[in-house]
Amino acid sequence: MTQIAPENPYNWAYLGLVHLYQWQPQKAKLALSEAEKRQPDLPYLKLLQAANAAMQINLPKAIQLANSAIKSL
């Protein structure tokens, strides 16, 4: 999907979700960064980034991102 429509932030966010599901947080971080470049205010993107931070044992960042996402919903 990212090859067909590389400017669509949802495609990059979905790719990040797939990488999170496969326990590949570094690859997820790259995909989520691409999504953020295209549309930084996506609340669901912040939740995925929070999950990624938690997966990498960065709990303060995970909490901060989750709170930010919840406030913007």
PDB file of N, CA and C in Angstrom:
ATOM      1  N   MET A   1       0.814  -1.191   0.000  1.00  0.00           N
ATOM      2  CA  MET A   1       0.000   0.000   0.000  1.00  0.00           C
ATOM      3  C   MET A   1       0.860   1.257   0.000  1.00  0.00           C
ATOM      4  N   THR A   2       1.979   1.208   0.702  1.00  0.00           N
ATOM      5  CA  THR A   2       2.823   2.397   0.749  1.00  0.00           C
ATOM      6  C   THR A   2       3.492   2.664  -0.597  1.00  0.00           C
ATOM      7  N   GLN A   3       3.592   1.643  -1.434  1.00  0.00           N
ATOM      8  CA  GLN A   3       4.159   1.847  -2.764  1.00  0.00           C
ATOM      9  C   GLN A   3       3.123   2.417  -3.718  1.00  0.00           C
ATOM     10  N   ILE A   4       1.860   2.063  -3.513  1.00  0.00           N
ATOM     11  CA  ILE A   4       0.789   2.552  -4.381  1.00  0.00           C
ATOM     12  C   ILE A   4       0.445   3.999  -4.063  1.00  0.00           C
ATOM     13  N   ALA A   5       0.325   4.306  -2.775  1.00  0.00           N
ATOM     14  CA  ALA A   5      -0.032   5.661  -2.342  1.00  0.00           C
ATOM     15  C   ALA A   5       0.903   6.094  -1.210  1.00  0.00           C
ATOM     16  N   PRO A   6       2.131   6.445  -1.546  1.00  0.00           N
ATOM     17  CA  PRO A   6       3.109   6.754  -0.497  1.00  0.00           C
ATOM     18  C   PRO A   6       2.803   8.014   0.304  1.00  0.00           C
ATOM     19  N   GLU A   7       1.943   8.883  -0.180  1.00  0.00           N
ATOM     20  CA  GLU A   7       1.625  10.113   0.546  1.00  0.00           C
ATOM     21  C   GLU A   7       0.474   9.939   1.525  1.00  0.00           C
ATOM     22  N   ASN A   8      -0.138   8.763   1.545  1.00  0.00           N
ATOM     23  CA  ASN A   8      -1.264   8.506   2.445  1.00  0.00           C
ATOM     24  C   ASN A   8      -0.731   8.109   3.825  1.00  0.00           C
ATOM     25  N   PRO A   9      -0.974   8.928   4.854  1.00  0.00           N
ATOM     26  CA  PRO A   9      -0.431   8.608   6.181  1.00  0.00           C
ATOM     27  C   PRO A   9      -1.051   7.359   6.795  1.00  0.00           C
ATOM     28  N   TYR A  10      -2.285   7.041   6.407  1.00  0.00           N
ATOM     29  CA  TYR A  10      -2.944   5.853   6.957  1.00  0.00           C
ATOM     30  C   TYR A  10      -2.255   4.571   6.498  1.00  0.00           C
ATOM     31  N   ASN A  11      -1.729   4.578   5.279  1.00  0.00           N
ATOM     32  CA  ASN A  11      -0.984   3.408   4.797  1.00  0.00           C
ATOM     33  C   ASN A  11       0.259   3.178   5.645  1.00  0.00           C
ATOM     34  N   TRP A  12       0.963   4.245   5.970  1.00  0.00           N
ATOM     35  CA  TRP A  12       2.174   4.127   6.792  1.00  0.00           C
ATOM     36  C   TRP A  12       1.820   3.717   8.213  1.00  0.00           C
ATOM     37  N   ALA A  13       0.724   4.266   8.738  1.00  0.00           N
ATOM     38  CA  ALA A  13       0.295   3.891  10.091  1.00  0.00           C
ATOM     39  C   ALA A  13      -0.087   2.412  10.132  1.00  0.00           C
ATOM     40  N   TYR A  14      -0.769   1.944   9.094  1.00  0.00           N
ATOM     41  CA  TYR A  14      -1.145   0.529   9.040  1.00  0.00           C
ATOM     42  C   TYR A  14       0.097  -0.362   8.962  1.00  0.00           C
ATOM     43  N   LEU A  15       1.072   0.057   8.179  1.00  0.00           N
ATOM     44  CA  LEU A  15       2.323  -0.704   8.101  1.00  0.00           C
ATOM     45  C   LEU A  15       2.998  -0.745   9.472  1.00  0.00           C
ATOM     46  N   GLY A  16       2.962   0.372  10.179  1.00  0.00           N
ATOM     47  CA  GLY A  16       3.501   0.390  11.537  1.00  0.00           C
ATOM     48  C   GLY A  16       2.768  -0.575  12.443  1.00  0.00           C
ATOM     49  N   LEU A  17       1.446  -0.634  12.316  1.00  0.00           N
ATOM     50  CA  LEU A  17       0.643  -1.570  13.109  1.00  0.00           C
ATOM     51  C   LEU A  17       1.035  -3.013  12.800  1.00  0.00           C
ATOM     52  N   VAL A  18       1.237  -3.317  11.541  1.00  0.00           N
ATOM     53  CA  VAL A  18       1.645  -4.670  11.145  1.00  0.00           C
ATOM     54  C   VAL A  18       2.988  -5.019  11.789  1.00  0.00           C
ATOM     55  N   HIS A  19       3.918  -4.077  11.770  1.00  0.00           N
ATOM     56  CA  HIS A  19       5.225  -4.330  12.390  1.00  0.00           C
ATOM     57  C   HIS A  19       5.097  -4.496  13.901  1.00  0.00           C
ATOM     58  N   LEU A  20       4.220  -3.724  14.529  1.00  0.00           N
ATOM     59  CA  LEU A  20       4.000  -3.898  15.970  1.00  0.00           C
ATOM     60  C   LEU A  20       3.432  -5.285  16.252  1.00  0.00           C
ATOM     61  N   TYR A  21       2.496  -5.708  15.433  1.00  0.00           N
ATOM     62  CA  TYR A  21       1.881  -7.025  15.605  1.00  0.00           C
ATOM     63  C   TYR A  21       2.925  -8.134  15.476  1.00  0.00           C
ATOM     64  N   GLN A  22       3.924  -7.899  14.639  1.00  0.00           N
ATOM     65  CA  GLN A  22       4.987  -8.889  14.433  1.00  0.00           C
ATOM     66  C   GLN A  22       6.155  -8.698  15.406  1.00  0.00           C
ATOM     67  N   TRP A  23       5.974  -7.857  16.419  1.00  0.00           N
ATOM     68  CA  TRP A  23       7.007  -7.572  17.421  1.00  0.00           C
ATOM     69  C   TRP A  23       8.291  -7.064  16.774  1.00  0.00           C
ATOM     70  N   GLN A  24       8.149  -6.110  15.865  1.00  0.00           N
ATOM     71  CA  GLN A  24       9.287  -5.472  15.198  1.00  0.00           C
ATOM     72  C   GLN A  24       9.226  -3.964  15.462  1.00  0.00           C
ATOM     73  N   PRO A  25       9.549  -3.544  16.687  1.00  0.00           N
ATOM     74  CA  PRO A  25       9.358  -2.136  17.042  1.00  0.00           C
ATOM     75  C   PRO A  25      10.235  -1.158  16.259  1.00  0.00           C
ATOM     76  N   GLN A  26      11.420  -1.565  15.851  1.00  0.00           N
ATOM     77  CA  GLN A  26      12.276  -0.646  15.092  1.00  0.00           C
ATOM     78  C   GLN A  26      11.682  -0.361  13.711  1.00  0.00           C
ATOM     79  N   LYS A  27      11.190  -1.403  13.048  1.00  0.00           N
ATOM     80  CA  LYS A  27      10.544  -1.205  11.749  1.00  0.00           C
ATOM     81  C   LYS A  27       9.253  -0.416  11.913  1.00  0.00           C
ATOM     82  N   ALA A  28       8.538  -0.679  12.997  1.00  0.00           N
ATOM     83  CA  ALA A  28       7.300   0.060  13.269  1.00  0.00           C
ATOM     84  C   ALA A  28       7.600   1.540  13.455  1.00  0.00           C
ATOM     85  N   LYS A  29       8.662   1.838  14.166  1.00  0.00           N
ATOM     86  CA  LYS A  29       9.032   3.235  14.417  1.00  0.00           C
ATOM     87  C   LYS A  29       9.295   3.972  13.109  1.00  0.00           C
ATOM     88  N   LEU A  30       9.959   3.316  12.170  1.00  0.00           N
ATOM     89  CA  LEU A  30      10.230   3.940  10.873  1.00  0.00           C
ATOM     90  C   LEU A  30       8.939   4.226  10.115  1.00  0.00           C
ATOM     91  N   ALA A  31       8.040   3.255  10.083  1.00  0.00           N
ATOM     92  CA  ALA A  31       6.776   3.439   9.371  1.00  0.00           C
ATOM     93  C   ALA A  31       5.924   4.516  10.042  1.00  0.00           C
ATOM     94  N   LEU A  32       5.884   4.514  11.361  1.00  0.00           N
ATOM     95  CA  LEU A  32       5.093   5.514  12.077  1.00  0.00           C
ATOM     96  C   LEU A  32       5.689   6.909  11.906  1.00  0.00           C
ATOM     97  N   SER A  33       6.988   6.996  11.777  1.00  0.00           N
ATOM     98  CA  SER A  33       7.631   8.292  11.511  1.00  0.00           C
ATOM     99  C   SER A  33       7.229   8.821  10.144  1.00  0.00           C
ATOM    100  N   GLU A  34       7.136   7.926   9.172  1.00  0.00           N
ATOM    101  CA  GLU A  34       6.686   8.335   7.834  1.00  0.00           C
ATOM    102  C   GLU A  34       5.243   8.838   7.878  1.00  0.00           C
ATOM    103  N   ALA A  35       4.401   8.164   8.638  1.00  0.00           N
ATOM    104  CA  ALA A  35       3.010   8.614   8.778  1.00  0.00           C
ATOM    105  C   ALA A  35       2.963   9.981   9.440  1.00  0.00           C
ATOM    106  N   GLU A  36       3.779  10.175  10.449  1.00  0.00           N
ATOM    107  CA  GLU A  36       3.788  11.452  11.175  1.00  0.00           C
ATOM    108  C   GLU A  36       4.266  12.600  10.287  1.00  0.00           C
ATOM    109  N   LYS A  37       5.200  12.329   9.382  1.00  0.00           N
ATOM    110  CA  LYS A  37       5.657  13.360   8.442  1.00  0.00           C
ATOM    111  C   LYS A  37       4.502  13.849   7.573  1.00  0.00           C
ATOM    112  N   ARG A  38       3.616  12.935   7.218  1.00  0.00           N
ATOM    113  CA  ARG A  38       2.533  13.262   6.305  1.00  0.00           C
ATOM    114  C   ARG A  38       1.331  13.895   7.007  1.00  0.00           C
ATOM    115  N   GLN A  39       1.052  13.471   8.232  1.00  0.00           N
ATOM    116  CA  GLN A  39      -0.073  14.042   8.982  1.00  0.00           C
ATOM    117  C   GLN A  39       0.191  13.875  10.480  1.00  0.00           C
ATOM    118  N   PRO A  40       0.854  14.843  11.085  1.00  0.00           N
ATOM    119  CA  PRO A  40       1.290  14.693  12.477  1.00  0.00           C
ATOM    120  C   PRO A  40       0.175  14.723  13.519  1.00  0.00           C
ATOM    121  N   ASP A  41      -1.022  15.141  13.150  1.00  0.00           N
ATOM    122  CA  ASP A  41      -2.089  15.292  14.144  1.00  0.00           C
ATOM    123  C   ASP A  41      -3.067  14.117  14.201  1.00  0.00           C
ATOM    124  N   LEU A  42      -2.702  12.977  13.661  1.00  0.00           N
ATOM    125  CA  LEU A  42      -3.580  11.801  13.732  1.00  0.00           C
ATOM    126  C   LEU A  42      -3.583  11.229  15.150  1.00  0.00           C
ATOM    127  N   PRO A  43      -4.732  11.222  15.837  1.00  0.00           N
ATOM    128  CA  PRO A  43      -4.745  10.690  17.203  1.00  0.00           C
ATOM    129  C   PRO A  43      -4.410   9.203  17.259  1.00  0.00           C
ATOM    130  N   TYR A  44      -4.839   8.443  16.273  1.00  0.00           N
ATOM    131  CA  TYR A  44      -4.557   7.006  16.272  1.00  0.00           C
ATOM    132  C   TYR A  44      -3.069   6.742  16.078  1.00  0.00           C
ATOM    133  N   LEU A  45      -2.409   7.627  15.367  1.00  0.00           N
ATOM    134  CA  LEU A  45      -0.967   7.510  15.186  1.00  0.00           C
ATOM    135  C   LEU A  45      -0.257   7.639  16.530  1.00  0.00           C
ATOM    136  N   LYS A  46      -0.712   8.569  17.355  1.00  0.00           N
ATOM    137  CA  LYS A  46      -0.111   8.741  18.688  1.00  0.00           C
ATOM    138  C   LYS A  46      -0.302   7.482  19.536  1.00  0.00           C
ATOM    139  N   LEU A  47      -1.448   6.831  19.407  1.00  0.00           N
ATOM    140  CA  LEU A  47      -1.671   5.585  20.153  1.00  0.00           C
ATOM    141  C   LEU A  47      -0.723   4.486  19.684  1.00  0.00           C
ATOM    142  N   LEU A  48      -0.511   4.398  18.381  1.00  0.00           N
ATOM    143  CA  LEU A  48       0.433   3.407  17.859  1.00  0.00           C
ATOM    144  C   LEU A  48       1.858   3.723  18.314  1.00  0.00           C
ATOM    145  N   GLN A  49       2.200   5.011  18.331  1.00  0.00           N
ATOM    146  CA  GLN A  49       3.524   5.393  18.814  1.00  0.00           C
ATOM    147  C   GLN A  49       3.664   5.085  20.306  1.00  0.00           C
ATOM    148  N   ALA A  50       2.583   5.245  21.060  1.00  0.00           N
ATOM    149  CA  ALA A  50       2.610   4.909  22.486  1.00  0.00           C
ATOM    150  C   ALA A  50       2.834   3.411  22.676  1.00  0.00           C
ATOM    151  N   ALA A  51       2.148   2.608  21.880  1.00  0.00           N
ATOM    152  CA  ALA A  51       2.336   1.156  21.958  1.00  0.00           C
ATOM    153  C   ALA A  51       3.769   0.785  21.588  1.00  0.00           C
ATOM    154  N   ASN A  52       4.303   1.453  20.590  1.00  0.00           N
ATOM    155  CA  ASN A  52       5.681   1.194  20.176  1.00  0.00           C
ATOM    156  C   ASN A  52       6.660   1.570  21.286  1.00  0.00           C
ATOM    157  N   ALA A  53       6.445   2.700  21.927  1.00  0.00           N
ATOM    158  CA  ALA A  53       7.324   3.115  23.027  1.00  0.00           C
ATOM    159  C   ALA A  53       7.237   2.130  24.189  1.00  0.00           C
ATOM    160  N   ALA A  54       6.035   1.669  24.493  1.00  0.00           N
ATOM    161  CA  ALA A  54       5.870   0.691  25.576  1.00  0.00           C
ATOM    162  C   ALA A  54       6.572  -0.617  25.230  1.00  0.00           C
ATOM    163  N   MET A  55       6.501  -1.005  23.968  1.00  0.00           N
ATOM    164  CA  MET A  55       7.147  -2.240  23.533  1.00  0.00           C
ATOM    165  C   MET A  55       8.668  -2.146  23.681  1.00  0.00           C
ATOM    166  N   GLN A  56       9.185  -0.929  23.590  1.00  0.00           N
ATOM    167  CA  GLN A  56      10.627  -0.719  23.733  1.00  0.00           C
ATOM    168  C   GLN A  56      10.991  -0.339  25.173  1.00  0.00           C
ATOM    169  N   ILE A  57      10.079  -0.538  26.097  1.00  0.00           N
ATOM    170  CA  ILE A  57      10.264  -0.281  27.531  1.00  0.00           C
ATOM    171  C   ILE A  57      10.579   1.200  27.804  1.00  0.00           C
ATOM    172  N   ASN A  58      10.010   2.081  27.013  1.00  0.00           N
ATOM    173  CA  ASN A  58      10.137   3.518  27.247  1.00  0.00           C
ATOM    174  C   ASN A  58       8.791   4.001  27.792  1.00  0.00           C
ATOM    175  N   LEU A  59       8.515   3.653  29.046  1.00  0.00           N
ATOM    176  CA  LEU A  59       7.201   3.909  29.628  1.00  0.00           C
ATOM    177  C   LEU A  59       6.865   5.385  29.790  1.00  0.00           C
ATOM    178  N   PRO A  60       7.787   6.263  30.177  1.00  0.00           N
ATOM    179  CA  PRO A  60       7.415   7.681  30.258  1.00  0.00           C
ATOM    180  C   PRO A  60       6.937   8.240  28.916  1.00  0.00           C
ATOM    181  N   LYS A  61       7.635   7.879  27.841  1.00  0.00           N
ATOM    182  CA  LYS A  61       7.224   8.343  26.515  1.00  0.00           C
ATOM    183  C   LYS A  61       5.897   7.709  26.117  1.00  0.00           C
ATOM    184  N   ALA A  62       5.696   6.449  26.447  1.00  0.00           N
ATOM    185  CA  ALA A  62       4.439   5.767  26.130  1.00  0.00           C
ATOM    186  C   ALA A  62       3.271   6.457  26.822  1.00  0.00           C
ATOM    187  N   ILE A  63       3.441   6.805  28.083  1.00  0.00           N
ATOM    188  CA  ILE A  63       2.374   7.476  28.833  1.00  0.00           C
ATOM    189  C   ILE A  63       2.104   8.859  28.254  1.00  0.00           C
ATOM    190  N   GLN A  64       3.155   9.585  27.937  1.00  0.00           N
ATOM    191  CA  GLN A  64       2.993  10.927  27.375  1.00  0.00           C
ATOM    192  C   GLN A  64       2.259  10.880  26.037  1.00  0.00           C
ATOM    193  N   LEU A  65       2.633   9.953  25.164  1.00  0.00           N
ATOM    194  CA  LEU A  65       1.979   9.825  23.861  1.00  0.00           C
ATOM    195  C   LEU A  65       0.531   9.372  24.005  1.00  0.00           C
ATOM    196  N   ALA A  66       0.272   8.452  24.912  1.00  0.00           N
ATOM    197  CA  ALA A  66      -1.098   7.978  25.124  1.00  0.00           C
ATOM    198  C   ALA A  66      -1.977   9.106  25.650  1.00  0.00           C
ATOM    199  N   ASN A  67      -1.479   9.884  26.598  1.00  0.00           N
ATOM    200  CA  ASN A  67      -2.250  11.017  27.117  1.00  0.00           C
ATOM    201  C   ASN A  67      -2.533  12.035  26.027  1.00  0.00           C
ATOM    202  N   SER A  68      -1.550  12.297  25.190  1.00  0.00           N
ATOM    203  CA  SER A  68      -1.720  13.231  24.082  1.00  0.00           C
ATOM    204  C   SER A  68      -2.784  12.737  23.107  1.00  0.00           C
ATOM    205  N   ALA A  69      -2.769  11.451  22.818  1.00  0.00           N
ATOM    206  CA  ALA A  69      -3.752  10.879  21.897  1.00  0.00           C
ATOM    207  C   ALA A  69      -5.154  10.939  22.484  1.00  0.00           C
ATOM    208  N   ILE A  70      -5.280  10.626  23.753  1.00  0.00           N
ATOM    209  CA  ILE A  70      -6.594  10.617  24.396  1.00  0.00           C
ATOM    210  C   ILE A  70      -7.178  12.024  24.437  1.00  0.00           C
ATOM    211  N   LYS A  71      -6.359  13.017  24.705  1.00  0.00           N
ATOM    212  CA  LYS A  71      -6.833  14.405  24.752  1.00  0.00           C
ATOM    213  C   LYS A  71      -7.310  14.887  23.391  1.00  0.00           C
ATOM    214  N   SER A  72      -6.719  14.363  22.321  1.00  0.00           N
ATOM    215  CA  SER A  72      -7.083  14.828  20.982  1.00  0.00           C
ATOM    216  C   SER A  72      -8.248  14.062  20.366  1.00  0.00           C
ATOM    217  N   LEU A  73      -8.739  13.035  21.044  1.00  0.00           N
ATOM    218  CA  LEU A  73      -9.883  12.275  20.506  1.00  0.00           C
ATOM    219  C   LEU A  73     -11.181  12.998  20.703  1.00  0.00           C
TER     220      LEU A  73
END
